[in-house]
Protein backbone atom coordinates (compact mmCIF):
# COMPACT_ATOMS: atom_id res chain seq x y z
CA MET A 1 6.89 -15.89 -6.47
CA LYS A 2 4.99 -12.81 -6.33
CA LYS A 3 3.75 -11.37 -3.07
CA LYS A 4 1.24 -8.55 -2.19
CA VAL A 5 3.00 -6.11 0.27
CA VAL A 6 1.08 -3.41 2.06
CA TYR A 7 3.23 -0.45 3.40
CA ARG A 8 1.95 2.62 4.70
CA GLY A 9 -1.64 1.85 3.51
CA ARG A 10 -0.16 1.14 -0.09
CA GLU A 11 -0.18 -2.09 -1.95
CA TYR A 12 2.87 -3.21 -3.98
CA ILE A 13 3.29 -6.51 -5.95
CA VAL A 14 6.88 -7.59 -5.00
CA GLU A 15 8.71 -10.49 -6.93
CA THR A 16 12.13 -11.64 -6.02
CA LEU A 17 14.30 -12.20 -9.22
CA SER A 18 17.64 -13.66 -9.93
CA GLU A 19 21.04 -11.92 -9.10
CA GLY A 20 19.96 -9.84 -6.17
CA LYS A 21 17.15 -8.05 -8.26
CA ILE A 22 13.53 -7.34 -7.26
CA SER A 23 10.52 -6.05 -9.02
CA ILE A 24 8.18 -3.65 -7.25
CA ASP A 25 4.93 -2.84 -9.45
CA GLY A 26 7.01 -3.94 -12.53
CA GLU A 27 9.99 -1.63 -11.81
CA ILE A 28 13.27 -3.80 -11.27
CA TYR A 29 15.73 -2.72 -8.62
CA SER A 30 19.29 -4.15 -7.70
CA THR A 31 19.58 -5.01 -4.06
CA ASP A 32 22.07 -6.30 -1.46
CA VAL A 33 21.44 -7.66 1.87
CA THR A 34 23.96 -7.95 4.47
CA HIS A 35 23.37 -9.68 7.65
CA GLY A 36 24.81 -7.58 10.85
CA VAL A 37 24.54 -8.23 14.57
CA LYS A 38 21.65 -10.33 15.54
CA ASN A 39 18.38 -9.54 13.78
CA ILE A 40 19.86 -6.19 12.10
CA TYR A 41 20.33 -6.23 8.38
CA LYS A 42 22.23 -3.73 6.10
CA VAL A 43 19.89 -3.42 2.86
CA ILE A 44 20.82 -1.65 -0.28
CA VAL A 45 18.17 -0.87 -2.97
CA ASP A 46 19.69 0.88 -6.09
CA ARG A 47 22.46 2.40 -3.89
CA GLN A 48 20.14 3.73 -1.32
CA PRO A 49 21.24 2.05 2.18
CA PHE A 50 18.79 1.23 4.90
CA THR A 51 19.06 -0.61 8.21
CA VAL A 52 16.39 -3.09 8.96
CA GLU A 53 15.73 -4.85 12.28
CA VAL A 54 13.65 -7.77 12.72
CA LYS A 55 12.38 -7.87 16.37
CA ASP A 56 9.26 -9.78 17.56
CA GLY A 57 7.81 -10.24 14.13
CA GLU A 58 8.08 -6.37 13.88
CA PHE A 59 10.11 -4.42 11.17
CA TYR A 60 12.15 -1.32 11.92
CA ILE A 61 13.59 0.65 8.99
CA ASP A 62 16.20 2.94 10.04
CA GLY A 63 14.85 3.03 13.56
CA GLU A 64 11.27 3.69 12.75
CA GLU A 65 8.58 0.96 13.20
CA ALA A 66 7.40 -0.20 9.78
CA LYS A 67 4.02 -1.90 9.51
CA ILE A 68 4.45 -4.30 6.71
CA GLU A 69 1.67 -6.77 5.71
CA VAL A 70 2.58 -9.74 3.28
CA ARG A 71 0.03 -11.74 1.43
CA PRO A 72 -0.04 -14.12 -1.54
CA HIS A 73 -0.53 -12.22 -4.94
CA ILE A 74 -3.35 -13.82 -6.80
CA HIS A 75 -3.50 -12.56 -10.44
CA ILE A 76 -6.74 -13.61 -12.07
CA GLU A 77 -7.21 -13.34 -15.85
CA VAL A 78 -10.50 -12.23 -16.81
CA GLY A 79 -12.16 -11.34 -20.34
CA ASP A 80 -13.08 -7.86 -21.50
CA GLU A 81 -16.71 -8.19 -20.77
CA PHE A 82 -15.56 -8.70 -16.95
CA LEU A 83 -13.56 -5.58 -17.14
CA GLU A 84 -16.35 -3.40 -18.66
CA GLN A 85 -18.81 -4.45 -15.66
CA GLU A 86 -16.25 -3.32 -13.16
CA LYS A 87 -17.65 0.40 -13.24
CA SER A 88 -16.86 1.21 -9.41
CA LYS A 89 -13.75 0.62 -7.04
CA ARG A 90 -14.32 0.53 -3.33
CA ILE A 91 -11.48 1.84 -1.14
CA THR A 92 -11.45 0.19 2.14
CA ALA A 93 -9.36 0.65 5.44
CA PRO A 94 -6.21 -1.44 5.46
CA ILE A 95 -5.74 -1.34 9.14
CA PRO A 96 -7.98 0.14 11.95
CA GLY A 97 -7.58 3.76 12.84
CA LYS A 98 -8.83 7.28 12.66
CA ILE A 99 -9.23 9.32 9.55
CA VAL A 100 -7.05 12.55 9.95
CA GLN A 101 -7.30 14.09 6.62
CA ILE A 102 -9.43 13.81 3.36
CA LEU A 103 -7.85 15.01 0.35
CA VAL A 104 -10.89 14.56 -1.99
CA LYS A 105 -14.61 15.37 -2.13
CA GLU A 106 -17.46 13.71 -4.13
CA ASN A 107 -17.56 14.17 -8.04
CA ASP A 108 -13.64 15.05 -7.86
CA SER A 109 -11.43 13.50 -10.72
CA VAL A 110 -8.81 11.00 -9.41
CA THR A 111 -5.82 9.53 -11.04
CA LYS A 112 -4.31 6.10 -10.21
CA ASN A 113 -1.98 6.47 -7.41
CA GLN A 114 -3.20 9.73 -6.33
CA GLU A 115 -3.38 10.25 -2.72
CA LEU A 116 -7.03 10.45 -1.21
CA MET A 117 -6.81 10.50 2.56
CA ILE A 118 -4.53 9.93 5.56
CA LEU A 119 -5.47 7.20 8.12
CA GLU A 120 -3.55 7.53 11.38
CA ALA A 121 -3.07 4.11 13.19
CA MET A 122 -0.70 3.44 16.34
CA LYS A 123 0.73 6.91 16.07
CA MET A 124 1.75 6.53 12.22
CA ARG A 125 0.19 8.30 9.24
CA ASN A 126 -0.88 6.06 6.49
CA ARG A 127 -1.54 7.55 3.15
CA ILE A 128 -4.45 6.04 1.07
CA PHE A 129 -4.15 6.12 -2.64
CA SER A 130 -6.38 5.52 -5.51
CA PRO A 131 -5.93 2.24 -7.39
CA VAL A 132 -7.82 3.53 -10.47
CA ASP A 133 -8.43 6.55 -12.60
CA GLY A 134 -12.03 7.88 -12.16
CA VAL A 135 -14.27 10.18 -10.07
CA VAL A 136 -15.03 10.13 -6.44
CA SER A 137 -18.83 8.83 -6.22
CA LYS A 138 -18.99 8.68 -2.60
CA VAL A 139 -17.20 9.69 0.71
CA HIS A 140 -18.17 7.42 3.71
CA VAL A 141 -16.20 8.92 6.23
CA THR A 142 -15.09 12.43 7.64
CA VAL A 143 -12.11 13.86 9.48
CA ASP A 144 -11.91 12.20 13.00
CA THR A 145 -13.95 9.15 12.13
CA ALA A 146 -12.47 5.77 13.76
CA VAL A 147 -12.55 3.05 11.12
CA LYS A 148 -12.19 -0.57 11.31
CA GLN A 149 -10.06 -2.80 9.22
CA ASP A 150 -11.73 -3.28 5.56
CA GLN A 151 -14.42 -0.62 6.41
CA ASN A 152 -15.71 1.16 3.29
CA LEU A 153 -13.82 4.73 2.90
CA ILE A 154 -14.45 5.89 -0.56
CA ASP A 155 -16.20 4.79 -3.81
CA ILE A 156 -14.75 5.61 -7.25
CA GLU A 157 -16.45 5.55 -10.54
CA VAL A 158 -13.96 3.86 -12.91
CA LYS A 159 -13.13 5.79 -15.89
């Protein structure tokens, strides 16, 4: 089953596969999870070890609190005529916080997965990435703007 996972302001599509493998955005990784003491796990992803602790519903990766949101992934098949109609993409705040850096301006060309801005929330910096190739048509916030969850940050005209 596929899940949409939001980590540090970026969405990933994660799917557990057989034989200890997972797919993250289509890339396949080998994993090994060993349960340690209480709520502490040793996780190895492609030979990279991590210590993960689950405490009171919060995740800590190598001692650092990790805000992770897991949602169902819903894939909708659409025809080409619908895709042609999607000419702009609205980028919204994944969590409430404060804009601390804006890396693009109106009329800038951007590529998919390009970093657009940094949103600080609960003393953590969350990087906001472009989900599409396009041109920034409108920046709705400035540095030091306090934003609510799902507030519009940037509009991008899709190429």
